[in-house]
């Protein structure tokens, strides 16, 4: 009989760190986004990977899934409303692509919910702009004014 090369009963496992974070408002940024097909194959969803950017839970990752193509018009309407909330929170009201929403600090309202196996997980239930955040939309650059000669008639520099 072959000997086992490792006995996991003799060593404590690492803490995975995957326990859900407590309910609350967290500063996050969308760091990755991807369109994925639904399990049924009848639609697709936009998966947003969000990273907590400050506080005790900095670097923890949360996901949001928006059913933007689905036979259920109610699911699509809810996804569009959530995407609108994200756009308003980021200040990007007309993104040209999903990446336009990346790396902009916003506030996500996070709650713990039980999944279909009864295990707790996090869900993002709301989005809002970070207080004192400047709008993310590009502002036109001010027109440059030509240098004015100094009173002595010299160069301005």
Protein backbone atom coordinates (compact mmCIF):
# COMPACT_ATOMS: atom_id res chain seq x y z
CA UNK A 1 0.00 0.00 0.00
CA UNK A 2 1.27 3.45 -0.91
CA UNK A 3 1.95 5.94 1.90
CA UNK A 4 0.12 9.24 1.95
CA UNK A 5 2.48 12.17 1.29
CA UNK A 6 0.50 14.57 3.56
CA UNK A 7 -1.94 14.30 6.45
CA UNK A 8 -4.23 17.37 6.53
CA UNK A 9 -5.71 16.22 9.83
CA UNK A 10 -2.44 17.22 11.54
CA UNK A 11 -2.26 20.81 10.25
CA UNK A 12 -4.74 23.65 10.73
CA UNK A 13 -5.91 25.07 7.38
CA UNK A 14 -5.30 28.69 6.46
CA UNK A 15 -8.10 31.13 7.13
CA UNK A 16 -9.44 31.69 3.62
CA UNK A 17 -10.58 35.22 4.38
CA UNK A 18 -13.68 34.58 2.30
CA UNK A 19 -16.18 35.21 5.06
CA UNK A 20 -18.59 37.97 4.07
CA UNK A 21 -17.89 41.50 5.21
CA UNK A 22 -20.41 43.10 7.60
CA UNK A 23 -23.45 45.00 6.31
CA UNK A 24 -22.68 48.64 5.61
CA UNK A 25 -21.57 51.28 3.14
CA UNK A 26 -18.12 50.76 1.61
CA UNK A 27 -15.96 52.81 -0.71
CA UNK A 28 -15.38 50.60 -3.75
CA UNK A 29 -14.19 50.86 -7.32
CA UNK A 30 -15.18 48.67 -10.24
CA UNK A 31 -11.90 47.07 -11.29
CA UNK A 32 -13.06 44.53 -13.87
CA UNK A 33 -16.18 43.90 -15.93
CA UNK A 34 -17.17 41.06 -18.19
CA UNK A 35 -20.22 39.98 -20.17
CA UNK A 36 -21.12 36.36 -19.41
CA UNK A 37 -23.86 34.02 -20.64
CA UNK A 38 -26.57 32.95 -18.20
CA UNK A 39 -26.60 29.33 -17.03
CA UNK A 40 -29.74 28.71 -19.08
CA UNK A 41 -28.11 30.15 -22.18
CA UNK A 42 -31.11 32.40 -22.85
CA UNK A 43 -29.41 35.66 -21.99
CA UNK A 44 -26.31 37.31 -20.62
CA UNK A 45 -25.28 39.42 -17.67
CA UNK A 46 -22.66 42.04 -16.97
CA UNK A 47 -20.47 40.92 -14.08
CA UNK A 48 -18.79 43.77 -12.22
CA UNK A 49 -15.87 43.00 -9.95
CA UNK A 50 -15.61 45.68 -7.26
CA UNK A 51 -12.76 46.14 -4.83
CA UNK A 52 -13.11 47.83 -1.44
CA UNK A 53 -10.58 50.67 -1.60
CA UNK A 54 -10.41 51.92 1.98
CA UNK A 55 -10.95 50.94 5.59
CA UNK A 56 -10.63 47.66 7.43
CA UNK A 57 -11.85 45.63 4.45
CA UNK A 58 -9.63 47.29 1.81
CA UNK A 59 -8.76 44.97 -1.09
CA UNK A 60 -11.73 42.67 -0.45
CA UNK A 61 -13.62 41.86 -3.64
CA UNK A 62 -17.38 41.99 -4.22
CA UNK A 63 -19.37 41.18 -7.35
CA UNK A 64 -22.50 42.59 -8.93
CA UNK A 65 -24.31 40.84 -11.76
CA UNK A 66 -26.65 42.78 -14.02
CA UNK A 67 -29.03 40.74 -16.22
CA UNK A 68 -29.04 43.11 -19.17
CA UNK A 69 -30.20 40.44 -21.67
CA UNK A 70 -32.84 38.14 -20.26
CA UNK A 71 -36.25 36.77 -21.31
CA UNK A 72 -37.64 38.36 -18.14
CA UNK A 73 -38.39 42.02 -18.85
CA UNK A 74 -38.55 42.63 -15.08
CA UNK A 75 -34.98 41.31 -14.64
CA UNK A 76 -33.74 43.52 -17.49
CA UNK A 77 -35.54 46.58 -16.10
CA UNK A 78 -34.03 46.00 -12.64
CA UNK A 79 -30.54 45.58 -14.16
CA UNK A 80 -30.90 48.78 -16.20
CA UNK A 81 -31.99 50.71 -13.09
CA UNK A 82 -29.01 49.37 -11.15
CA UNK A 83 -26.66 50.29 -14.01
CA UNK A 84 -28.19 53.77 -14.03
CA UNK A 85 -27.48 54.02 -10.28
CA UNK A 86 -23.85 53.05 -10.93
CA UNK A 87 -23.57 55.59 -13.75
CA UNK A 88 -24.99 58.35 -11.54
CA UNK A 89 -22.68 57.34 -8.67
CA UNK A 90 -19.60 57.47 -10.90
CA UNK A 91 -20.69 60.61 -12.71
CA UNK A 92 -20.36 58.78 -16.05
CA UNK A 93 -23.89 59.13 -17.38
CA UNK A 94 -23.22 57.99 -20.95
CA UNK A 95 -20.42 55.43 -20.87
CA UNK A 96 -19.15 54.41 -24.28
CA UNK A 97 -17.98 51.07 -22.88
CA UNK A 98 -18.14 49.24 -19.57
CA UNK A 99 -14.51 50.16 -18.82
CA UNK A 100 -15.55 53.83 -18.56
CA UNK A 101 -16.97 52.90 -15.14
CA UNK A 102 -13.72 51.39 -13.86
CA UNK A 103 -11.48 52.79 -11.10
CA UNK A 104 -13.85 55.52 -9.92
CA UNK A 105 -14.41 55.49 -6.14
CA UNK A 106 -18.11 55.18 -5.26
CA UNK A 107 -20.10 53.95 -2.27
CA UNK A 108 -21.71 50.50 -2.36
CA UNK A 109 -24.33 49.47 0.19
CA UNK A 110 -23.41 45.88 1.06
CA UNK A 111 -25.55 43.32 2.88
CA UNK A 112 -25.12 39.69 3.87
CA UNK A 113 -27.62 37.21 2.38
CA UNK A 114 -27.87 33.42 2.39
CA UNK A 115 -27.14 31.68 -0.91
CA UNK A 116 -29.09 28.63 -2.16
CA UNK A 117 -26.94 26.35 0.06
CA UNK A 118 -27.63 28.46 3.14
CA UNK A 119 -24.11 29.92 3.23
CA UNK A 120 -23.76 33.64 3.82
CA UNK A 121 -22.45 35.86 1.03
CA UNK A 122 -22.35 39.56 0.23
CA UNK A 123 -24.63 41.38 -2.20
CA UNK A 124 -24.48 44.99 -3.25
CA UNK A 125 -27.94 46.50 -2.75
CA UNK A 126 -27.30 50.12 -3.62
CA UNK A 127 -24.85 52.60 -5.12
CA UNK A 128 -24.18 56.27 -4.49
CA UNK A 129 -21.59 58.88 -5.25
CA UNK A 130 -18.73 59.31 -2.86
CA UNK A 131 -19.22 62.57 -0.95
CA UNK A 132 -17.04 65.42 -2.20
CA UNK A 133 -16.22 63.45 -5.33
CA UNK A 134 -15.60 65.44 -8.46
CA UNK A 135 -17.70 64.38 -11.45
CA UNK A 136 -15.90 61.79 -13.54
CA UNK A 137 -16.96 63.34 -16.83
CA UNK A 138 -14.19 65.10 -18.66
CA UNK A 139 -14.39 68.85 -18.45
CA UNK A 140 -13.26 70.96 -21.40
CA UNK A 141 -9.82 72.39 -20.91
CA UNK A 142 -9.76 76.14 -20.38
CA UNK A 143 -8.63 78.09 -23.38
CA UNK A 144 -5.01 79.06 -23.17
CA UNK A 145 -4.33 82.77 -23.01
CA UNK A 146 -1.21 84.03 -24.71
CA UNK A 147 1.49 85.32 -22.35
CA UNK A 148 1.27 89.03 -21.73
CA UNK A 149 4.40 91.18 -21.75
CA UNK A 150 5.45 92.55 -18.40
CA UNK A 151 5.12 96.26 -17.69
CA UNK A 152 8.81 96.69 -18.50
CA UNK A 153 8.17 95.31 -21.97
CA UNK A 154 10.19 92.19 -21.24
CA UNK A 155 9.30 88.59 -21.67
CA UNK A 156 6.71 87.13 -19.27
CA UNK A 157 9.08 84.47 -17.95
